[in-house]
Amino acid sequence: MATKLFVGNLPHSVTDQTLGDFVTRAGFQIASAVVVRDRATGAPRGFGFVELAQGEDGERAIAGLNGQMLSGRTLTVNEARPKRDDQVRLPDGGRGRDNSSRRWEYF
């Protein structure tokens, strides 16, 4: 099973390709690299995920990448945690409003 890593404190200029290349240059084979983006604006959110290729040692990758510099920022790297079942995504982006909160119209 492949190991998935969380990579935090990414510069906003980093792309999926840049992140993948950085990890590969550090000596690790990857299956995928994704920079998480805001759904509304498409702007990078400053973190991403790297899935190591099968057989790669996650602990060795974390030790080798955590604290490394990328475009002037010190990266935080640790094992990605699975999404919790209790995380409910609201349709309005988590603001607690929906279409039922419209103003009442009086006739």
PDB file of N, CA and C in Angstrom:
ATOM      1  N   MET A   1       0.839  -1.180   0.000  1.00  0.00           N
ATOM      2  CA  MET A   1       0.000   0.000   0.000  1.00  0.00           C
ATOM      3  C   MET A   1       0.884   1.243   0.000  1.00  0.00           C
ATOM      4  N   ALA A   2       0.543   2.224  -0.811  1.00  0.00           N
ATOM      5  CA  ALA A   2       1.318   3.455  -0.909  1.00  0.00           C
ATOM      6  C   ALA A   2       1.039   4.356   0.289  1.00  0.00           C
ATOM      7  N   THR A   3       2.016   5.156   0.657  1.00  0.00           N
ATOM      8  CA  THR A   3       1.897   6.090   1.764  1.00  0.00           C
ATOM      9  C   THR A   3       1.536   7.458   1.228  1.00  0.00           C
ATOM     10  N   LYS A   4       0.585   8.121   1.886  1.00  0.00           N
ATOM     11  CA  LYS A   4       0.180   9.461   1.482  1.00  0.00           C
ATOM     12  C   LYS A   4       0.707  10.449   2.521  1.00  0.00           C
ATOM     13  N   LEU A   5       1.379  11.493   2.029  1.00  0.00           N
ATOM     14  CA  LEU A   5       1.970  12.501   2.900  1.00  0.00           C
ATOM     15  C   LEU A   5       1.236  13.823   2.780  1.00  0.00           C
ATOM     16  N   PHE A   6       1.098  14.513   3.904  1.00  0.00           N
ATOM     17  CA  PHE A   6       0.598  15.878   3.936  1.00  0.00           C
ATOM     18  C   PHE A   6       1.807  16.798   3.843  1.00  0.00           C
ATOM     19  N   VAL A   7       1.759  17.792   2.971  1.00  0.00           N
ATOM     20  CA  VAL A   7       2.839  18.759   2.832  1.00  0.00           C
ATOM     21  C   VAL A   7       2.238  20.139   3.067  1.00  0.00           C
ATOM     22  N   GLY A   8       2.644  20.777   4.163  1.00  0.00           N
ATOM     23  CA  GLY A   8       2.098  22.078   4.524  1.00  0.00           C
ATOM     24  C   GLY A   8       3.100  23.202   4.365  1.00  0.00           C
ATOM     25  N   ASN A   9       2.594  24.430   4.424  1.00  0.00           N
ATOM     26  CA  ASN A   9       3.359  25.665   4.293  1.00  0.00           C
ATOM     27  C   ASN A   9       3.938  25.821   2.886  1.00  0.00           C
ATOM     28  N   LEU A  10       3.188  25.372   1.890  1.00  0.00           N
ATOM     29  CA  LEU A  10       3.625  25.499   0.506  1.00  0.00           C
ATOM     30  C   LEU A  10       3.491  26.946   0.038  1.00  0.00           C
ATOM     31  N   PRO A  11       4.454  27.421  -0.742  1.00  0.00           N
ATOM     32  CA  PRO A  11       4.303  28.743  -1.361  1.00  0.00           C
ATOM     33  C   PRO A  11       3.130  28.701  -2.347  1.00  0.00           C
ATOM     34  N   HIS A  12       2.467  29.815  -2.526  1.00  0.00           N
ATOM     35  CA  HIS A  12       1.301  29.841  -3.415  1.00  0.00           C
ATOM     36  C   HIS A  12       1.673  29.710  -4.882  1.00  0.00           C
ATOM     37  N   SER A  13       2.956  29.794  -5.196  1.00  0.00           N
ATOM     38  CA  SER A  13       3.402  29.640  -6.582  1.00  0.00           C
ATOM     39  C   SER A  13       3.603  28.176  -6.974  1.00  0.00           C
ATOM     40  N   VAL A  14       3.522  27.266  -6.007  1.00  0.00           N
ATOM     41  CA  VAL A  14       3.786  25.843  -6.264  1.00  0.00           C
ATOM     42  C   VAL A  14       2.599  25.202  -6.987  1.00  0.00           C
ATOM     43  N   THR A  15       2.917  24.406  -8.000  1.00  0.00           N
ATOM     44  CA  THR A  15       1.902  23.650  -8.743  1.00  0.00           C
ATOM     45  C   THR A  15       2.050  22.164  -8.406  1.00  0.00           C
ATOM     46  N   ASP A  16       1.128  21.357  -8.906  1.00  0.00           N
ATOM     47  CA  ASP A  16       1.220  19.907  -8.726  1.00  0.00           C
ATOM     48  C   ASP A  16       2.557  19.398  -9.257  1.00  0.00           C
ATOM     49  N   GLN A  17       2.922  19.875 -10.436  1.00  0.00           N
ATOM     50  CA  GLN A  17       4.169  19.441 -11.072  1.00  0.00           C
ATOM     51  C   GLN A  17       5.386  19.852 -10.246  1.00  0.00           C
ATOM     52  N   THR A  18       5.389  21.089  -9.746  1.00  0.00           N
ATOM     53  CA  THR A  18       6.508  21.578  -8.940  1.00  0.00           C
ATOM     54  C   THR A  18       6.670  20.743  -7.676  1.00  0.00           C
ATOM     55  N   LEU A  19       5.565  20.444  -7.010  1.00  0.00           N
ATOM     56  CA  LEU A  19       5.603  19.642  -5.793  1.00  0.00           C
ATOM     57  C   LEU A  19       6.120  18.243  -6.087  1.00  0.00           C
ATOM     58  N   GLY A  20       5.606  17.630  -7.133  1.00  0.00           N
ATOM     59  CA  GLY A  20       6.060  16.295  -7.506  1.00  0.00           C
ATOM     60  C   GLY A  20       7.539  16.258  -7.850  1.00  0.00           C
ATOM     61  N   ASP A  21       7.993  17.266  -8.597  1.00  0.00           N
ATOM     62  CA  ASP A  21       9.414  17.343  -8.969  1.00  0.00           C
ATOM     63  C   ASP A  21      10.299  17.524  -7.735  1.00  0.00           C
ATOM     64  N   PHE A  22       9.845  18.331  -6.783  1.00  0.00           N
ATOM     65  CA  PHE A  22      10.610  18.571  -5.561  1.00  0.00           C
ATOM     66  C   PHE A  22      10.822  17.267  -4.793  1.00  0.00           C
ATOM     67  N   VAL A  23       9.764  16.486  -4.628  1.00  0.00           N
ATOM     68  CA  VAL A  23       9.849  15.224  -3.887  1.00  0.00           C
ATOM     69  C   VAL A  23      10.700  14.212  -4.652  1.00  0.00           C
ATOM     70  N   THR A  24      10.557  14.191  -5.958  1.00  0.00           N
ATOM     71  CA  THR A  24      11.356  13.271  -6.780  1.00  0.00           C
ATOM     72  C   THR A  24      12.842  13.626  -6.703  1.00  0.00           C
ATOM     73  N   ARG A  25      13.176  14.922  -6.772  1.00  0.00           N
ATOM     74  CA  ARG A  25      14.572  15.351  -6.663  1.00  0.00           C
ATOM     75  C   ARG A  25      15.165  15.022  -5.298  1.00  0.00           C
ATOM     76  N   ALA A  26      14.311  14.918  -4.281  1.00  0.00           N
ATOM     77  CA  ALA A  26      14.770  14.555  -2.941  1.00  0.00           C
ATOM     78  C   ALA A  26      15.063  13.059  -2.844  1.00  0.00           C
ATOM     79  N   GLY A  27      14.758  12.317  -3.909  1.00  0.00           N
ATOM     80  CA  GLY A  27      15.105  10.905  -3.947  1.00  0.00           C
ATOM     81  C   GLY A  27      13.973   9.933  -3.708  1.00  0.00           C
ATOM     82  N   PHE A  28      12.733  10.396  -3.826  1.00  0.00           N
ATOM     83  CA  PHE A  28      11.581   9.537  -3.569  1.00  0.00           C
ATOM     84  C   PHE A  28      10.749   9.383  -4.832  1.00  0.00           C
ATOM     85  N   GLN A  29      10.265   8.168  -5.050  1.00  0.00           N
ATOM     86  CA  GLN A  29       9.381   7.917  -6.179  1.00  0.00           C
ATOM     87  C   GLN A  29       7.957   8.221  -5.742  1.00  0.00           C
ATOM     88  N   ILE A  30       7.216   8.904  -6.605  1.00  0.00           N
ATOM     89  CA  ILE A  30       5.848   9.269  -6.248  1.00  0.00           C
ATOM     90  C   ILE A  30       4.853   8.679  -7.222  1.00  0.00           C
ATOM     91  N   ALA A  31       3.637   8.474  -6.729  1.00  0.00           N
ATOM     92  CA  ALA A  31       2.524   8.050  -7.571  1.00  0.00           C
ATOM     93  C   ALA A  31       1.715   9.269  -8.002  1.00  0.00           C
ATOM     94  N   SER A  32       1.608  10.269  -7.106  1.00  0.00           N
ATOM     95  CA  SER A  32       0.869  11.487  -7.439  1.00  0.00           C
ATOM     96  C   SER A  32       1.264  12.611  -6.493  1.00  0.00           C
ATOM     97  N   ALA A  33       1.022  13.841  -6.937  1.00  0.00           N
ATOM     98  CA  ALA A  33       1.239  15.036  -6.118  1.00  0.00           C
ATOM     99  C   ALA A  33       0.138  16.027  -6.460  1.00  0.00           C
ATOM    100  N   VAL A  34      -0.538  16.528  -5.427  1.00  0.00           N
ATOM    101  CA  VAL A  34      -1.669  17.432  -5.641  1.00  0.00           C
ATOM    102  C   VAL A  34      -1.562  18.603  -4.669  1.00  0.00           C
ATOM    103  N   VAL A  35      -1.627  19.815  -5.208  1.00  0.00           N
ATOM    104  CA  VAL A  35      -1.721  21.023  -4.394  1.00  0.00           C
ATOM    105  C   VAL A  35      -3.205  21.331  -4.256  1.00  0.00           C
ATOM    106  N   VAL A  36      -3.692  21.470  -3.029  1.00  0.00           N
ATOM    107  CA  VAL A  36      -5.113  21.710  -2.779  1.00  0.00           C
ATOM    108  C   VAL A  36      -5.433  23.170  -3.097  1.00  0.00           C
ATOM    109  N   ARG A  37      -6.542  23.365  -3.805  1.00  0.00           N
ATOM    110  CA  ARG A  37      -6.957  24.699  -4.225  1.00  0.00           C
ATOM    111  C   ARG A  37      -8.345  25.025  -3.680  1.00  0.00           C
ATOM    112  N   ASP A  38      -8.591  26.305  -3.497  1.00  0.00           N
ATOM    113  CA  ASP A  38      -9.891  26.791  -3.060  1.00  0.00           C
ATOM    114  C   ASP A  38     -10.901  26.525  -4.167  1.00  0.00           C
ATOM    115  N   ARG A  39     -12.043  25.987  -3.819  1.00  0.00           N
ATOM    116  CA  ARG A  39     -13.045  25.646  -4.831  1.00  0.00           C
ATOM    117  C   ARG A  39     -13.619  26.883  -5.515  1.00  0.00           C
ATOM    118  N   ALA A  40     -13.791  27.947  -4.770  1.00  0.00           N
ATOM    119  CA  ALA A  40     -14.420  29.142  -5.331  1.00  0.00           C
ATOM    120  C   ALA A  40     -13.468  29.951  -6.196  1.00  0.00           C
ATOM    121  N   THR A  41     -12.236  30.139  -5.732  1.00  0.00           N
ATOM    122  CA  THR A  41     -11.304  31.027  -6.429  1.00  0.00           C
ATOM    123  C   THR A  41     -10.258  30.292  -7.255  1.00  0.00           C
ATOM    124  N   GLY A  42     -10.003  29.036  -6.930  1.00  0.00           N
ATOM    125  CA  GLY A  42      -8.952  28.284  -7.614  1.00  0.00           C
ATOM    126  C   GLY A  42      -7.561  28.592  -7.101  1.00  0.00           C
ATOM    127  N   ALA A  43      -7.461  29.448  -6.103  1.00  0.00           N
ATOM    128  CA  ALA A  43      -6.161  29.813  -5.539  1.00  0.00           C
ATOM    129  C   ALA A  43      -5.630  28.684  -4.663  1.00  0.00           C
ATOM    130  N   PRO A  44      -4.316  28.441  -4.675  1.00  0.00           N
ATOM    131  CA  PRO A  44      -3.740  27.401  -3.812  1.00  0.00           C
ATOM    132  C   PRO A  44      -3.986  27.733  -2.337  1.00  0.00           C
ATOM    133  N   ARG A  45      -4.227  26.696  -1.541  1.00  0.00           N
ATOM    134  CA  ARG A  45      -4.522  26.886  -0.122  1.00  0.00           C
ATOM    135  C   ARG A  45      -3.295  26.738   0.766  1.00  0.00           C
ATOM    136  N   GLY A  46      -2.124  26.466   0.169  1.00  0.00           N
ATOM    137  CA  GLY A  46      -0.893  26.411   0.952  1.00  0.00           C
ATOM    138  C   GLY A  46      -0.535  25.026   1.473  1.00  0.00           C
ATOM    139  N   PHE A  47      -1.244  24.009   1.014  1.00  0.00           N
ATOM    140  CA  PHE A  47      -0.883  22.645   1.406  1.00  0.00           C
ATOM    141  C   PHE A  47      -1.247  21.697   0.270  1.00  0.00           C
ATOM    142  N   GLY A  48      -0.722  20.494   0.375  1.00  0.00           N
ATOM    143  CA  GLY A  48      -0.999  19.496  -0.645  1.00  0.00           C
ATOM    144  C   GLY A  48      -0.716  18.102  -0.140  1.00  0.00           C
ATOM    145  N   PHE A  49      -0.845  17.142  -1.027  1.00  0.00           N
ATOM    146  CA  PHE A  49      -0.638  15.744  -0.685  1.00  0.00           C
ATOM    147  C   PHE A  49       0.232  15.079  -1.727  1.00  0.00           C
ATOM    148  N   VAL A  50       1.130  14.230  -1.257  1.00  0.00           N
ATOM    149  CA  VAL A  50       1.992  13.448  -2.145  1.00  0.00           C
ATOM    150  C   VAL A  50       1.790  11.989  -1.790  1.00  0.00           C
ATOM    151  N   GLU A  51       1.463  11.196  -2.801  1.00  0.00           N
ATOM    152  CA  GLU A  51       1.340   9.762  -2.596  1.00  0.00           C
ATOM    153  C   GLU A  51       2.624   9.127  -3.098  1.00  0.00           C
ATOM    154  N   LEU A  52       3.314   8.463  -2.193  1.00  0.00           N
ATOM    155  CA  LEU A  52       4.567   7.808  -2.550  1.00  0.00           C
ATOM    156  C   LEU A  52       4.282   6.539  -3.340  1.00  0.00           C
ATOM    157  N   ALA A  53       5.215   6.195  -4.205  1.00  0.00           N
ATOM    158  CA  ALA A  53       5.072   4.971  -4.987  1.00  0.00           C
ATOM    159  C   ALA A  53       5.124   3.768  -4.057  1.00  0.00           C
ATOM    160  N   GLN A  54       4.539   2.701  -4.509  1.00  0.00           N
ATOM    161  CA  GLN A  54       4.516   1.465  -3.722  1.00  0.00           C
ATOM    162  C   GLN A  54       5.935   1.077  -3.320  1.00  0.00           C
ATOM    163  N   GLY A  55       6.118   0.735  -2.078  1.00  0.00           N
ATOM    164  CA  GLY A  55       7.419   0.295  -1.596  1.00  0.00           C
ATOM    165  C   GLY A  55       8.260   1.401  -0.984  1.00  0.00           C
ATOM    166  N   GLU A  56       7.890   2.663  -1.205  1.00  0.00           N
ATOM    167  CA  GLU A  56       8.650   3.753  -0.608  1.00  0.00           C
ATOM    168  C   GLU A  56       8.374   3.804   0.895  1.00  0.00           C
ATOM    169  N   ASP A  57       9.387   4.171   1.654  1.00  0.00           N
ATOM    170  CA  ASP A  57       9.282   4.250   3.103  1.00  0.00           C
ATOM    171  C   ASP A  57       8.775   5.630   3.507  1.00  0.00           C
ATOM    172  N   GLY A  58       7.559   5.679   4.049  1.00  0.00           N
ATOM    173  CA  GLY A  58       6.950   6.943   4.453  1.00  0.00           C
ATOM    174  C   GLY A  58       7.713   7.653   5.547  1.00  0.00           C
ATOM    175  N   GLU A  59       8.189   6.902   6.538  1.00  0.00           N
ATOM    176  CA  GLU A  59       8.928   7.526   7.643  1.00  0.00           C
ATOM    177  C   GLU A  59      10.237   8.132   7.150  1.00  0.00           C
ATOM    178  N   ARG A  60      10.897   7.457   6.233  1.00  0.00           N
ATOM    179  CA  ARG A  60      12.141   7.980   5.677  1.00  0.00           C
ATOM    180  C   ARG A  60      11.861   9.242   4.852  1.00  0.00           C
ATOM    181  N   ALA A  61      10.756   9.246   4.113  1.00  0.00           N
ATOM    182  CA  ALA A  61      10.377  10.414   3.323  1.00  0.00           C
ATOM    183  C   ALA A  61      10.030  11.598   4.225  1.00  0.00           C
ATOM    184  N   ILE A  62       9.304  11.347   5.293  1.00  0.00           N
ATOM    185  CA  ILE A  62       8.956  12.418   6.224  1.00  0.00           C
ATOM    186  C   ILE A  62      10.216  13.001   6.832  1.00  0.00           C
ATOM    187  N   ALA A  63      11.121  12.144   7.282  1.00  0.00           N
ATOM    188  CA  ALA A  63      12.372  12.615   7.881  1.00  0.00           C
ATOM    189  C   ALA A  63      13.209  13.401   6.879  1.00  0.00           C
ATOM    190  N   GLY A  64      13.173  12.991   5.614  1.00  0.00           N
ATOM    191  CA  GLY A  64      13.972  13.657   4.601  1.00  0.00           C
ATOM    192  C   GLY A  64      13.381  14.945   4.072  1.00  0.00           C
ATOM    193  N   LEU A  65      12.058  15.086   4.141  1.00  0.00           N
ATOM    194  CA  LEU A  65      11.400  16.263   3.563  1.00  0.00           C
ATOM    195  C   LEU A  65      10.967  17.306   4.588  1.00  0.00           C
ATOM    196  N   ASN A  66      10.622  16.879   5.793  1.00  0.00           N
ATOM    197  CA  ASN A  66      10.148  17.815   6.808  1.00  0.00           C
ATOM    198  C   ASN A  66      11.246  18.820   7.147  1.00  0.00           C
ATOM    199  N   GLY A  67      10.923  20.095   7.077  1.00  0.00           N
ATOM    200  CA  GLY A  67      11.889  21.146   7.382  1.00  0.00           C
ATOM    201  C   GLY A  67      12.690  21.617   6.184  1.00  0.00           C
ATOM    202  N   GLN A  68      12.520  20.975   5.021  1.00  0.00           N
ATOM    203  CA  GLN A  68      13.216  21.403   3.812  1.00  0.00           C
ATOM    204  C   GLN A  68      12.610  22.713   3.306  1.00  0.00           C
ATOM    205  N   MET A  69      13.417  23.471   2.579  1.00  0.00           N
ATOM    206  CA  MET A  69      12.973  24.750   2.029  1.00  0.00           C
ATOM    207  C   MET A  69      12.499  24.556   0.584  1.00  0.00           C
ATOM    208  N   LEU A  70      11.381  25.188   0.249  1.00  0.00           N
ATOM    209  CA  LEU A  70      10.876  25.214  -1.114  1.00  0.00           C
ATOM    210  C   LEU A  70      10.420  26.639  -1.400  1.00  0.00           C
ATOM    211  N   SER A  71      11.087  27.296  -2.325  1.00  0.00           N
ATOM    212  CA  SER A  71      10.778  28.685  -2.693  1.00  0.00           C
ATOM    213  C   SER A  71      10.721  29.598  -1.476  1.00  0.00           C
ATOM    214  N   GLY A  72      11.683  29.425  -0.571  1.00  0.00           N
ATOM    215  CA  GLY A  72      11.791  30.295   0.592  1.00  0.00           C
ATOM    216  C   GLY A  72      10.888  29.957   1.761  1.00  0.00           C
ATOM    217  N   ARG A  73      10.190  28.844   1.711  1.00  0.00           N
ATOM    218  CA  ARG A  73       9.292  28.446   2.807  1.00  0.00           C
ATOM    219  C   ARG A  73       9.729  27.104   3.368  1.00  0.00           C
ATOM    220  N   THR A  74       9.680  26.974   4.679  1.00  0.00           N
ATOM    221  CA  THR A  74      10.034  25.728   5.352  1.00  0.00           C
ATOM    222  C   THR A  74       8.814  24.819   5.360  1.00  0.00           C
ATOM    223  N   LEU A  75       8.950  23.644   4.764  1.00  0.00           N
ATOM    224  CA  LEU A  75       7.828  22.720   4.634  1.00  0.00           C
ATOM    225  C   LEU A  75       7.581  21.933   5.913  1.00  0.00           C
ATOM    226  N   THR A  76       6.314  21.644   6.136  1.00  0.00           N
ATOM    227  CA  THR A  76       5.890  20.736   7.194  1.00  0.00           C
ATOM    228  C   THR A  76       5.363  19.489   6.510  1.00  0.00           C
ATOM    229  N   VAL A  77       5.988  18.350   6.799  1.00  0.00           N
ATOM    230  CA  VAL A  77       5.601  17.097   6.143  1.00  0.00           C
ATOM    231  C   VAL A  77       5.316  16.054   7.206  1.00  0.00           C
ATOM    232  N   ASN A  78       4.160  15.425   7.105  1.00  0.00           N
ATOM    233  CA  ASN A  78       3.825  14.302   7.979  1.00  0.00           C
ATOM    234  C   ASN A  78       2.861  13.382   7.253  1.00  0.00           C
ATOM    235  N   GLU A  79       2.549  12.270   7.886  1.00  0.00           N
ATOM    236  CA  GLU A  79       1.646  11.315   7.260  1.00  0.00           C
ATOM    237  C   GLU A  79       0.245  11.907   7.213  1.00  0.00           C
ATOM    238  N   ALA A  80      -0.390  11.791   6.064  1.00  0.00           N
ATOM    239  CA  ALA A  80      -1.746  12.319   5.902  1.00  0.00           C
ATOM    240  C   ALA A  80      -2.706  11.481   6.724  1.00  0.00           C
ATOM    241  N   ARG A  81      -3.643  12.160   7.345  1.00  0.00           N
ATOM    242  CA  ARG A  81      -4.682  11.473   8.108  1.00  0.00           C
ATOM    243  C   ARG A  81      -5.897  11.281   7.213  1.00  0.00           C
ATOM    244  N   PRO A  82      -6.586  10.159   7.356  1.00  0.00           N
ATOM    245  CA  PRO A  82      -7.790   9.956   6.539  1.00  0.00           C
ATOM    246  C   PRO A  82      -8.880  10.952   6.935  1.00  0.00           C
ATOM    247  N   LYS A  83      -9.742  11.285   5.966  1.00  0.00           N
ATOM    248  CA  LYS A  83     -10.862  12.170   6.259  1.00  0.00           C
ATOM    249  C   LYS A  83     -11.758  11.524   7.303  1.00  0.00           C
ATOM    250  N   ARG A  84     -12.208  12.336   8.235  1.00  0.00           N
ATOM    251  CA  ARG A  84     -13.114  11.821   9.264  1.00  0.00           C
ATOM    252  C   ARG A  84     -14.524  11.758   8.709  1.00  0.00           C
ATOM    253  N   ASP A  85     -15.278  10.775   9.184  1.00  0.00           N
ATOM    254  CA  ASP A  85     -16.659  10.625   8.740  1.00  0.00           C
ATOM    255  C   ASP A  85     -17.549  11.746   9.256  1.00  0.00           C
ATOM    256  N   ASP A  86     -17.176  12.369  10.372  1.00  0.00           N
ATOM    257  CA  ASP A  86     -18.027  13.398  10.955  1.00  0.00           C
ATOM    258  C   ASP A  86     -17.818  14.770  10.320  1.00  0.00           C
ATOM    259  N   GLN A  87     -16.940  14.872   9.344  1.00  0.00           N
ATOM    260  CA  GLN A  87     -16.758  16.134   8.646  1.00  0.00           C
ATOM    261  C   GLN A  87     -17.822  16.258   7.572  1.00  0.00           C
ATOM    262  N   VAL A  88     -18.775  17.102   7.814  1.00  0.00           N
ATOM    263  CA  VAL A  88     -19.867  17.301   6.880  1.00  0.00           C
ATOM    264  C   VAL A  88     -19.591  18.580   6.106  1.00  0.00           C
ATOM    265  N   ARG A  89     -19.652  18.495   4.807  1.00  0.00           N
ATOM    266  CA  ARG A  89     -19.421  19.676   3.976  1.00  0.00           C
ATOM    267  C   ARG A  89     -20.773  20.291   3.646  1.00  0.00           C
ATOM    268  N   LEU A  90     -20.935  21.539   4.034  1.00  0.00           N
ATOM    269  CA  LEU A  90     -22.163  22.245   3.738  1.00  0.00           C
ATOM    270  C   LEU A  90     -22.135  22.733   2.292  1.00  0.00           C
ATOM    271  N   PRO A  91     -23.287  22.779   1.639  1.00  0.00           N
ATOM    272  CA  PRO A  91     -23.314  23.175   0.231  1.00  0.00           C
ATOM    273  C   PRO A  91     -22.874  24.607  -0.021  1.00  0.00           C
ATOM    274  N   ASP A  92     -22.926  25.454   0.981  1.00  0.00           N
ATOM    275  CA  ASP A  92     -22.541  26.856   0.801  1.00  0.00           C
ATOM    276  C   ASP A  92     -21.100  27.115   1.222  1.00  0.00           C
ATOM    277  N   GLY A  93     -20.297  26.074   1.352  1.00  0.00           N
ATOM    278  CA  GLY A  93     -18.898  26.251   1.708  1.00  0.00           C
ATOM    279  C   GLY A  93     -18.665  26.354   3.202  1.00  0.00           C
ATOM    280  N   GLY A  94     -19.619  25.955   4.024  1.00  0.00           N
ATOM    281  CA  GLY A  94     -19.413  25.922   5.463  1.00  0.00           C
ATOM    282  C   GLY A  94     -19.851  27.168   6.191  1.00  0.00           C
ATOM    283  N   ARG A  95     -20.596  28.028   5.542  1.00  0.00           N
ATOM    284  CA  ARG A  95     -21.002  29.265   6.204  1.00  0.00           C
ATOM    285  C   ARG A  95     -22.298  29.107   7.000  1.00  0.00           C
ATOM    286  N   GLY A  96     -22.918  27.950   6.919  1.00  0.00           N
ATOM    287  CA  GLY A  96     -24.109  27.693   7.715  1.00  0.00           C
ATOM    288  C   GLY A  96     -25.379  28.297   7.139  1.00  0.00           C
ATOM    289  N   ARG A  97     -25.329  28.738   5.895  1.00  0.00           N
ATOM    290  CA  ARG A  97     -26.519  29.310   5.263  1.00  0.00           C
ATOM    291  C   ARG A  97     -26.923  28.423   4.094  1.00  0.00           C
ATOM    292  N   ASP A  98     -28.172  28.426   3.801  1.00  0.00           N
ATOM    293  CA  ASP A  98     -28.639  27.716   2.620  1.00  0.00           C
ATOM    294  C   ASP A  98     -29.792  28.497   2.010  1.00  0.00           C
ATOM    295  N   ASN A  99     -30.427  27.947   1.034  1.00  0.00           N
ATOM    296  CA  ASN A  99     -31.507  28.663   0.352  1.00  0.00           C
ATOM    297  C   ASN A  99     -32.724  28.885   1.222  1.00  0.00           C
ATOM    298  N   SER A 100     -32.868  28.169   2.330  1.00  0.00           N
ATOM    299  CA  SER A 100     -34.035  28.334   3.189  1.00  0.00           C
ATOM    300  C   SER A 100     -33.922  29.581   4.054  1.00  0.00           C
ATOM    301  N   SER A 101     -32.793  30.277   4.032  1.00  0.00           N
ATOM    302  CA  SER A 101     -32.631  31.466   4.870  1.00  0.00           C
ATOM    303  C   SER A 101     -32.932  32.753   4.099  1.00  0.00           C
ATOM    304  N   ARG A 102     -33.732  32.654   3.075  1.00  0.00           N
ATOM    305  CA  ARG A 102     -34.115  33.840   2.310  1.00  0.00           C
ATOM    306  C   ARG A 102     -34.985  34.756   3.162  1.00  0.00           C
ATOM    307  N   ARG A 103     -34.965  36.030   2.800  1.00  0.00           N
ATOM    308  CA  ARG A 103     -35.821  36.970   3.523  1.00  0.00           C
ATOM    309  C   ARG A 103     -37.285  36.690   3.199  1.00  0.00           C
ATOM    310  N   TRP A 104     -38.118  36.920   4.174  1.00  0.00           N
ATOM    311  CA  TRP A 104     -39.539  36.739   3.972  1.00  0.00           C
ATOM    312  C   TRP A 104     -40.063  37.920   3.171  1.00  0.00           C
ATOM    313  N   GLU A 105     -40.943  37.649   2.257  1.00  0.00           N
ATOM    314  CA  GLU A 105     -41.572  38.710   1.504  1.00  0.00           C
ATOM    315  C   GLU A 105     -43.013  38.854   1.997  1.00  0.00           C
ATOM    316  N   TYR A 106     -43.362  40.082   2.315  1.00  0.00           N
ATOM    317  CA  TYR A 106     -44.722  40.353   2.820  1.00  0.00           C
ATOM    318  C   TYR A 106     -45.535  40.995   1.710  1.00  0.00           C
ATOM    319  N   PHE A 107     -46.763  40.534   1.557  1.00  0.00           N
ATOM    320  CA  PHE A 107     -47.629  41.062   0.506  1.00  0.00           C
ATOM    321  C   PHE A 107     -48.604  42.071   1.067  1.00  0.00           C
TER     322      PHE A 107
END
